[in-house]
Amino acid sequence: MSRILLGLLVGIIGYMVVKKVGQSLGLWPTPPKPVTREDKEPDVLVQDPVCQTYIPRKEALKTEKDGKVYFFCSEGCLKRFRRSGA
């Protein structure tokens, strides 16, 4: 009885090791990642007030002034906006 349990335990551990190595080498399928709300909805584009470039909201730098949020494509545009006092 103990040999059967030991054999089963070794088999399970071996399977787990082979699966992990196979996944890291791309030979074993990895489970799909769960779909999130961000995956379903496209990113909203916002316009940089300095250079007028449109950028995805998720990637934009932002600052708030007088209760309004402004989005920027780069640190340089953000600094120019702050310097201008706009």
PDB file of N, CA and C in Angstrom:
ATOM      1  N   MET A   1       0.819  -1.189   0.000  1.00  0.00           N
ATOM      2  CA  MET A   1       0.000   0.000   0.000  1.00  0.00           C
ATOM      3  C   MET A   1       0.871   1.265   0.000  1.00  0.00           C
ATOM      4  N   SER A   2       1.938   1.254   0.793  1.00  0.00           N
ATOM      5  CA  SER A   2       2.802   2.426   0.860  1.00  0.00           C
ATOM      6  C   SER A   2       3.550   2.624  -0.455  1.00  0.00           C
ATOM      7  N   ARG A   3       3.858   1.534  -1.165  1.00  0.00           N
ATOM      8  CA  ARG A   3       4.532   1.657  -2.460  1.00  0.00           C
ATOM      9  C   ARG A   3       3.602   2.325  -3.480  1.00  0.00           C
ATOM     10  N   ILE A   4       2.344   2.011  -3.417  1.00  0.00           N
ATOM     11  CA  ILE A   4       1.377   2.608  -4.341  1.00  0.00           C
ATOM     12  C   ILE A   4       1.267   4.111  -4.076  1.00  0.00           C
ATOM     13  N   LEU A   5       1.166   4.469  -2.809  1.00  0.00           N
ATOM     14  CA  LEU A   5       1.072   5.883  -2.460  1.00  0.00           C
ATOM     15  C   LEU A   5       2.351   6.629  -2.832  1.00  0.00           C
ATOM     16  N   LEU A   6       3.492   6.013  -2.578  1.00  0.00           N
ATOM     17  CA  LEU A   6       4.764   6.626  -2.930  1.00  0.00           C
ATOM     18  C   LEU A   6       4.875   6.788  -4.446  1.00  0.00           C
ATOM     19  N   GLY A   7       4.484   5.772  -5.189  1.00  0.00           N
ATOM     20  CA  GLY A   7       4.510   5.844  -6.650  1.00  0.00           C
ATOM     21  C   GLY A   7       3.574   6.921  -7.174  1.00  0.00           C
ATOM     22  N   LEU A   8       2.399   7.038  -6.566  1.00  0.00           N
ATOM     23  CA  LEU A   8       1.442   8.063  -6.952  1.00  0.00           C
ATOM     24  C   LEU A   8       1.996   9.465  -6.667  1.00  0.00           C
ATOM     25  N   LEU A   9       2.610   9.646  -5.513  1.00  0.00           N
ATOM     26  CA  LEU A   9       3.196  10.917  -5.132  1.00  0.00           C
ATOM     27  C   LEU A   9       4.332  11.314  -6.077  1.00  0.00           C
ATOM     28  N   VAL A  10       5.206  10.367  -6.390  1.00  0.00           N
ATOM     29  CA  VAL A  10       6.312  10.632  -7.317  1.00  0.00           C
ATOM     30  C   VAL A  10       5.764  10.965  -8.709  1.00  0.00           C
ATOM     31  N   GLY A  11       4.731  10.269  -9.122  1.00  0.00           N
ATOM     32  CA  GLY A  11       4.113  10.540 -10.422  1.00  0.00           C
ATOM     33  C   GLY A  11       3.518  11.933 -10.496  1.00  0.00           C
ATOM     34  N   ILE A  12       2.832  12.348  -9.446  1.00  0.00           N
ATOM     35  CA  ILE A  12       2.225  13.677  -9.418  1.00  0.00           C
ATOM     36  C   ILE A  12       3.304  14.756  -9.445  1.00  0.00           C
ATOM     37  N   ILE A  13       4.320  14.595  -8.633  1.00  0.00           N
ATOM     38  CA  ILE A  13       5.414  15.571  -8.605  1.00  0.00           C
ATOM     39  C   ILE A  13       6.118  15.618  -9.961  1.00  0.00           C
ATOM     40  N   GLY A  14       6.352  14.474 -10.559  1.00  0.00           N
ATOM     41  CA  GLY A  14       6.980  14.425 -11.880  1.00  0.00           C
ATOM     42  C   GLY A  14       6.142  15.123 -12.936  1.00  0.00           C
ATOM     43  N   TYR A  15       4.842  14.887 -12.888  1.00  0.00           N
ATOM     44  CA  TYR A  15       3.928  15.545 -13.824  1.00  0.00           C
ATOM     45  C   TYR A  15       4.001  17.064 -13.672  1.00  0.00           C
ATOM     46  N   MET A  16       4.006  17.545 -12.429  1.00  0.00           N
ATOM     47  CA  MET A  16       4.050  18.984 -12.168  1.00  0.00           C
ATOM     48  C   MET A  16       5.353  19.599 -12.684  1.00  0.00           C
ATOM     49  N   VAL A  17       6.462  18.889 -12.493  1.00  0.00           N
ATOM     50  CA  VAL A  17       7.761  19.384 -12.966  1.00  0.00           C
ATOM     51  C   VAL A  17       7.784  19.426 -14.495  1.00  0.00           C
ATOM     52  N   VAL A  18       7.345  18.366 -15.126  1.00  0.00           N
ATOM     53  CA  VAL A  18       7.330  18.314 -16.595  1.00  0.00           C
ATOM     54  C   VAL A  18       6.422  19.403 -17.155  1.00  0.00           C
ATOM     55  N   LYS A  19       5.285  19.619 -16.537  1.00  0.00           N
ATOM     56  CA  LYS A  19       4.344  20.642 -16.994  1.00  0.00           C
ATOM     57  C   LYS A  19       4.970  22.036 -16.881  1.00  0.00           C
ATOM     58  N   LYS A  20       5.601  22.331 -15.757  1.00  0.00           N
ATOM     59  CA  LYS A  20       6.217  23.644 -15.548  1.00  0.00           C
ATOM     60  C   LYS A  20       7.339  23.892 -16.549  1.00  0.00           C
ATOM     61  N   VAL A  21       8.187  22.890 -16.758  1.00  0.00           N
ATOM     62  CA  VAL A  21       9.285  23.021 -17.729  1.00  0.00           C
ATOM     63  C   VAL A  21       8.722  23.162 -19.138  1.00  0.00           C
ATOM     64  N   GLY A  22       7.710  22.389 -19.457  1.00  0.00           N
ATOM     65  CA  GLY A  22       7.078  22.467 -20.776  1.00  0.00           C
ATOM     66  C   GLY A  22       6.459  23.830 -21.037  1.00  0.00           C
ATOM     67  N   GLN A  23       5.828  24.422 -20.013  1.00  0.00           N
ATOM     68  CA  GLN A  23       5.244  25.751 -20.172  1.00  0.00           C
ATOM     69  C   GLN A  23       6.321  26.809 -20.380  1.00  0.00           C
ATOM     70  N   SER A  24       7.412  26.694 -19.640  1.00  0.00           N
ATOM     71  CA  SER A  24       8.474  27.690 -19.781  1.00  0.00           C
ATOM     72  C   SER A  24       9.156  27.598 -21.146  1.00  0.00           C
ATOM     73  N   LEU A  25       9.168  26.426 -21.749  1.00  0.00           N
ATOM     74  CA  LEU A  25       9.762  26.245 -23.075  1.00  0.00           C
ATOM     75  C   LEU A  25       8.751  26.437 -24.198  1.00  0.00           C
ATOM     76  N   GLY A  26       7.488  26.648 -23.849  1.00  0.00           N
ATOM     77  CA  GLY A  26       6.449  26.840 -24.848  1.00  0.00           C
ATOM     78  C   GLY A  26       5.950  25.549 -25.463  1.00  0.00           C
ATOM     79  N   LEU A  27       6.250  24.418 -24.839  1.00  0.00           N
ATOM     80  CA  LEU A  27       5.827  23.125 -25.371  1.00  0.00           C
ATOM     81  C   LEU A  27       4.500  22.663 -24.774  1.00  0.00           C
ATOM     82  N   TRP A  28       4.102  23.251 -23.687  1.00  0.00           N
ATOM     83  CA  TRP A  28       2.890  22.874 -22.976  1.00  0.00           C
ATOM     84  C   TRP A  28       1.976  24.087 -22.958  1.00  0.00           C
ATOM     85  N   PRO A  29       0.715  23.934 -23.281  1.00  0.00           N
ATOM     86  CA  PRO A  29      -0.155  25.119 -23.307  1.00  0.00           C
ATOM     87  C   PRO A  29      -0.324  25.727 -21.914  1.00  0.00           C
ATOM     88  N   THR A  30      -0.271  27.046 -21.869  1.00  0.00           N
ATOM     89  CA  THR A  30      -0.512  27.737 -20.604  1.00  0.00           C
ATOM     90  C   THR A  30      -1.996  28.076 -20.517  1.00  0.00           C
ATOM     91  N   PRO A  31      -2.539  28.097 -19.321  1.00  0.00           N
ATOM     92  CA  PRO A  31      -3.955  28.425 -19.201  1.00  0.00           C
ATOM     93  C   PRO A  31      -4.207  29.870 -19.642  1.00  0.00           C
ATOM     94  N   PRO A  32      -5.338  30.130 -20.279  1.00  0.00           N
ATOM     95  CA  PRO A  32      -5.612  31.494 -20.727  1.00  0.00           C
ATOM     96  C   PRO A  32      -5.820  32.425 -19.546  1.00  0.00           C
ATOM     97  N   LYS A  33      -5.377  33.674 -19.706  1.00  0.00           N
ATOM     98  CA  LYS A  33      -5.577  34.632 -18.627  1.00  0.00           C
ATOM     99  C   LYS A  33      -7.037  35.086 -18.644  1.00  0.00           C
ATOM    100  N   PRO A  34      -7.583  35.385 -17.490  1.00  0.00           N
ATOM    101  CA  PRO A  34      -8.978  35.813 -17.454  1.00  0.00           C
ATOM    102  C   PRO A  34      -9.157  37.150 -18.174  1.00  0.00           C
ATOM    103  N   VAL A  35     -10.278  37.305 -18.834  1.00  0.00           N
ATOM    104  CA  VAL A  35     -10.569  38.534 -19.551  1.00  0.00           C
ATOM    105  C   VAL A  35     -11.048  39.569 -18.545  1.00  0.00           C
ATOM    106  N   THR A  36     -10.425  40.735 -18.582  1.00  0.00           N
ATOM    107  CA  THR A  36     -10.812  41.805 -17.668  1.00  0.00           C
ATOM    108  C   THR A  36     -11.571  42.883 -18.427  1.00  0.00           C
ATOM    109  N   ARG A  37     -12.143  43.784 -17.700  1.00  0.00           N
ATOM    110  CA  ARG A  37     -12.899  44.865 -18.319  1.00  0.00           C
ATOM    111  C   ARG A  37     -11.989  45.714 -19.210  1.00  0.00           C
ATOM    112  N   GLU A  38     -10.733  45.909 -18.790  1.00  0.00           N
ATOM    113  CA  GLU A  38      -9.791  46.692 -19.587  1.00  0.00           C
ATOM    114  C   GLU A  38      -9.529  46.042 -20.938  1.00  0.00           C
ATOM    115  N   ASP A  39      -9.551  44.695 -20.982  1.00  0.00           N
ATOM    116  CA  ASP A  39      -9.325  43.992 -22.241  1.00  0.00           C
ATOM    117  C   ASP A  39     -10.490  44.186 -23.197  1.00  0.00           C
ATOM    118  N   LYS A  40     -11.685  44.321 -22.673  1.00  0.00           N
ATOM    119  CA  LYS A  40     -12.884  44.423 -23.504  1.00  0.00           C
ATOM    120  C   LYS A  40     -13.074  45.820 -24.069  1.00  0.00           C
ATOM    121  N   GLU A  41     -12.722  46.833 -23.291  1.00  0.00           N
ATOM    122  CA  GLU A  41     -12.963  48.201 -23.716  1.00  0.00           C
ATOM    123  C   GLU A  41     -11.697  48.803 -24.327  1.00  0.00           C
ATOM    124  N   PRO A  42     -11.826  49.417 -25.498  1.00  0.00           N
ATOM    125  CA  PRO A  42     -10.655  50.065 -26.082  1.00  0.00           C
ATOM    126  C   PRO A  42     -10.266  51.284 -25.252  1.00  0.00           C
ATOM    127  N   ASP A  43      -8.996  51.626 -25.297  1.00  0.00           N
ATOM    128  CA  ASP A  43      -8.501  52.765 -24.537  1.00  0.00           C
ATOM    129  C   ASP A  43      -8.972  54.062 -25.189  1.00  0.00           C
ATOM    130  N   VAL A  44      -9.329  55.015 -24.367  1.00  0.00           N
ATOM    131  CA  VAL A  44      -9.785  56.315 -24.830  1.00  0.00           C
ATOM    132  C   VAL A  44      -8.561  57.165 -25.170  1.00  0.00           C
ATOM    133  N   LEU A  45      -8.631  57.882 -26.287  1.00  0.00           N
ATOM    134  CA  LEU A  45      -7.550  58.778 -26.663  1.00  0.00           C
ATOM    135  C   LEU A  45      -7.810  60.157 -26.061  1.00  0.00           C
ATOM    136  N   VAL A  46      -6.739  60.767 -25.562  1.00  0.00           N
ATOM    137  CA  VAL A  46      -6.805  62.123 -25.024  1.00  0.00           C
ATOM    138  C   VAL A  46      -5.796  62.984 -25.769  1.00  0.00           C
ATOM    139  N   GLN A  47      -6.044  64.302 -25.804  1.00  0.00           N
ATOM    140  CA  GLN A  47      -5.162  65.187 -26.550  1.00  0.00           C
ATOM    141  C   GLN A  47      -4.266  65.975 -25.607  1.00  0.00           C
ATOM    142  N   ASP A  48      -2.993  65.984 -25.942  1.00  0.00           N
ATOM    143  CA  ASP A  48      -2.007  66.769 -25.212  1.00  0.00           C
ATOM    144  C   ASP A  48      -2.249  68.239 -25.556  1.00  0.00           C
ATOM    145  N   PRO A  49      -2.471  69.113 -24.551  1.00  0.00           N
ATOM    146  CA  PRO A  49      -2.758  70.522 -24.851  1.00  0.00           C
ATOM    147  C   PRO A  49      -1.543  71.306 -25.359  1.00  0.00           C
ATOM    148  N   VAL A  50      -0.355  70.765 -25.205  1.00  0.00           N
ATOM    149  CA  VAL A  50       0.855  71.475 -25.635  1.00  0.00           C
ATOM    150  C   VAL A  50       1.160  71.190 -27.103  1.00  0.00           C
ATOM    151  N   CYS A  51       1.294  69.913 -27.454  1.00  0.00           N
ATOM    152  CA  CYS A  51       1.685  69.564 -28.827  1.00  0.00           C
ATOM    153  C   CYS A  51       0.530  69.047 -29.675  1.00  0.00           C
ATOM    154  N   GLN A  52      -0.655  68.947 -29.073  1.00  0.00           N
ATOM    155  CA  GLN A  52      -1.882  68.519 -29.769  1.00  0.00           C
ATOM    156  C   GLN A  52      -1.863  67.049 -30.201  1.00  0.00           C
ATOM    157  N   THR A  53      -0.948  66.250 -29.683  1.00  0.00           N
ATOM    158  CA  THR A  53      -0.859  64.832 -30.003  1.00  0.00           C
ATOM    159  C   THR A  53      -1.943  64.062 -29.257  1.00  0.00           C
ATOM    160  N   TYR A  54      -2.522  63.044 -29.903  1.00  0.00           N
ATOM    161  CA  TYR A  54      -3.479  62.160 -29.245  1.00  0.00           C
ATOM    162  C   TYR A  54      -2.736  60.946 -28.717  1.00  0.00           C
ATOM    163  N   ILE A  55      -3.009  60.572 -27.484  1.00  0.00           N
ATOM    164  CA  ILE A  55      -2.352  59.443 -26.836  1.00  0.00           C
ATOM    165  C   ILE A  55      -3.379  58.644 -26.043  1.00  0.00           C
ATOM    166  N   PRO A  56      -3.126  57.337 -25.845  1.00  0.00           N
ATOM    167  CA  PRO A  56      -4.027  56.540 -25.016  1.00  0.00           C
ATOM    168  C   PRO A  56      -4.023  57.069 -23.576  1.00  0.00           C
ATOM    169  N   ARG A  57      -5.186  57.183 -23.009  1.00  0.00           N
ATOM    170  CA  ARG A  57      -5.329  57.732 -21.660  1.00  0.00           C
ATOM    171  C   ARG A  57      -4.503  56.958 -20.637  1.00  0.00           C
ATOM    172  N   LYS A  58      -4.438  55.635 -20.800  1.00  0.00           N
ATOM    173  CA  LYS A  58      -3.681  54.791 -19.859  1.00  0.00           C
ATOM    174  C   LYS A  58      -2.196  55.144 -19.849  1.00  0.00           C
ATOM    175  N   GLU A  59      -1.663  55.581 -20.973  1.00  0.00           N
ATOM    176  CA  GLU A  59      -0.229  55.853 -21.098  1.00  0.00           C
ATOM    177  C   GLU A  59       0.132  57.310 -20.830  1.00  0.00           C
ATOM    178  N   ALA A  60      -0.871  58.177 -20.731  1.00  0.00           N
ATOM    179  CA  ALA A  60      -0.620  59.607 -20.605  1.00  0.00           C
ATOM    180  C   ALA A  60      -0.195  60.005 -19.196  1.00  0.00           C
ATOM    181  N   LEU A  61       0.634  61.030 -19.141  1.00  0.00           N
ATOM    182  CA  LEU A  61       0.950  61.681 -17.866  1.00  0.00           C
ATOM    183  C   LEU A  61      -0.171  62.671 -17.614  1.00  0.00           C
ATOM    184  N   LYS A  62      -0.485  62.915 -16.355  1.00  0.00           N
ATOM    185  CA  LYS A  62      -1.586  63.842 -16.118  1.00  0.00           C
ATOM    186  C   LYS A  62      -1.300  64.771 -14.946  1.00  0.00           C
ATOM    187  N   THR A  63      -1.958  65.895 -15.000  1.00  0.00           N
ATOM    188  CA  THR A  63      -1.899  66.862 -13.904  1.00  0.00           C
ATOM    189  C   THR A  63      -3.269  67.521 -13.812  1.00  0.00           C
ATOM    190  N   GLU A  64      -3.538  68.095 -12.666  1.00  0.00           N
ATOM    191  CA  GLU A  64      -4.818  68.764 -12.457  1.00  0.00           C
ATOM    192  C   GLU A  64      -4.568  70.234 -12.148  1.00  0.00           C
ATOM    193  N   LYS A  65      -5.388  71.091 -12.747  1.00  0.00           N
ATOM    194  CA  LYS A  65      -5.271  72.525 -12.507  1.00  0.00           C
ATOM    195  C   LYS A  65      -6.664  73.134 -12.518  1.00  0.00           C
ATOM    196  N   ASP A  66      -6.984  73.843 -11.485  1.00  0.00           N
ATOM    197  CA  ASP A  66      -8.290  74.493 -11.341  1.00  0.00           C
ATOM    198  C   ASP A  66      -9.439  73.505 -11.520  1.00  0.00           C
ATOM    199  N   GLY A  67      -9.275  72.302 -10.998  1.00  0.00           N
ATOM    200  CA  GLY A  67     -10.328  71.287 -11.057  1.00  0.00           C
ATOM    201  C   GLY A  67     -10.438  70.564 -12.378  1.00  0.00           C
ATOM    202  N   LYS A  68      -9.586  70.868 -13.346  1.00  0.00           N
ATOM    203  CA  LYS A  68      -9.616  70.197 -14.649  1.00  0.00           C
ATOM    204  C   LYS A  68      -8.368  69.333 -14.799  1.00  0.00           C
ATOM    205  N   VAL A  69      -8.539  68.140 -15.371  1.00  0.00           N
ATOM    206  CA  VAL A  69      -7.427  67.208 -15.573  1.00  0.00           C
ATOM    207  C   VAL A  69      -6.887  67.389 -16.987  1.00  0.00           C
ATOM    208  N   TYR A  70      -5.568  67.516 -17.101  1.00  0.00           N
ATOM    209  CA  TYR A  70      -4.883  67.633 -18.385  1.00  0.00           C
ATOM    210  C   TYR A  70      -3.977  66.419 -18.568  1.00  0.00           C
ATOM    211  N   PHE A  71      -3.905  65.931 -19.822  1.00  0.00           N
ATOM    212  CA  PHE A  71      -3.105  64.753 -20.143  1.00  0.00           C
ATOM    213  C   PHE A  71      -1.982  65.143 -21.092  1.00  0.00           C
ATOM    214  N   PHE A  72      -0.814  64.475 -20.926  1.00  0.00           N
ATOM    215  CA  PHE A  72       0.371  64.825 -21.713  1.00  0.00           C
ATOM    216  C   PHE A  72       1.049  63.581 -22.261  1.00  0.00           C
ATOM    217  N   CYS A  73       1.676  63.758 -23.435  1.00  0.00           N
ATOM    218  CA  CYS A  73       2.348  62.631 -24.082  1.00  0.00           C
ATOM    219  C   CYS A  73       3.739  62.392 -23.512  1.00  0.00           C
ATOM    220  N   SER A  74       4.337  63.419 -22.906  1.00  0.00           N
ATOM    221  CA  SER A  74       5.706  63.273 -22.414  1.00  0.00           C
ATOM    222  C   SER A  74       5.953  64.197 -21.229  1.00  0.00           C
ATOM    223  N   GLU A  75       7.035  63.928 -20.552  1.00  0.00           N
ATOM    224  CA  GLU A  75       7.449  64.770 -19.423  1.00  0.00           C
ATOM    225  C   GLU A  75       7.772  66.189 -19.920  1.00  0.00           C
ATOM    226  N   GLY A  76       8.325  66.293 -21.113  1.00  0.00           N
ATOM    227  CA  GLY A  76       8.655  67.599 -21.685  1.00  0.00           C
ATOM    228  C   GLY A  76       7.423  68.471 -21.879  1.00  0.00           C
ATOM    229  N   CYS A  77       6.354  67.896 -22.420  1.00  0.00           N
ATOM    230  CA  CYS A  77       5.113  68.660 -22.618  1.00  0.00           C
ATOM    231  C   CYS A  77       4.504  69.053 -21.273  1.00  0.00           C
ATOM    232  N   LEU A  78       4.564  68.159 -20.315  1.00  0.00           N
ATOM    233  CA  LEU A  78       4.045  68.468 -18.989  1.00  0.00           C
ATOM    234  C   LEU A  78       4.810  69.636 -18.372  1.00  0.00           C
ATOM    235  N   LYS A  79       6.150  69.631 -18.495  1.00  0.00           N
ATOM    236  CA  LYS A  79       6.956  70.730 -17.959  1.00  0.00           C
ATOM    237  C   LYS A  79       6.669  72.043 -18.665  1.00  0.00           C
ATOM    238  N   ARG A  80       6.519  71.989 -20.002  1.00  0.00           N
ATOM    239  CA  ARG A  80       6.204  73.221 -20.751  1.00  0.00           C
ATOM    240  C   ARG A  80       4.856  73.784 -20.334  1.00  0.00           C
ATOM    241  N   PHE A  81       3.886  72.921 -20.074  1.00  0.00           N
ATOM    242  CA  PHE A  81       2.564  73.353 -19.627  1.00  0.00           C
ATOM    243  C   PHE A  81       2.653  74.036 -18.271  1.00  0.00           C
ATOM    244  N   ARG A  82       3.418  73.441 -17.371  1.00  0.00           N
ATOM    245  CA  ARG A  82       3.569  74.026 -16.030  1.00  0.00           C
ATOM    246  C   ARG A  82       4.302  75.364 -16.090  1.00  0.00           C
ATOM    247  N   ARG A  83       5.324  75.455 -16.936  1.00  0.00           N
ATOM    248  CA  ARG A  83       6.089  76.713 -17.064  1.00  0.00           C
ATOM    249  C   ARG A  83       5.243  77.831 -17.658  1.00  0.00           C
ATOM    250  N   SER A  84       4.359  77.463 -18.596  1.00  0.00           N
ATOM    251  CA  SER A  84       3.563  78.488 -19.291  1.00  0.00           C
ATOM    252  C   SER A  84       2.495  79.085 -18.381  1.00  0.00           C
ATOM    253  N   GLY A  85       2.150  78.379 -17.315  1.00  0.00           N
ATOM    254  CA  GLY A  85       1.127  78.885 -16.404  1.00  0.00           C
ATOM    255  C   GLY A  85      -0.267  78.834 -16.993  1.00  0.00           C
ATOM    256  N   ALA A  86      -0.443  78.058 -18.052  1.00  0.00           N
ATOM    257  CA  ALA A  86      -1.750  77.979 -18.722  1.00  0.00           C
ATOM    258  C   ALA A  86      -2.809  77.387 -17.837  1.00  0.00           C
TER     259      ALA A  86
END
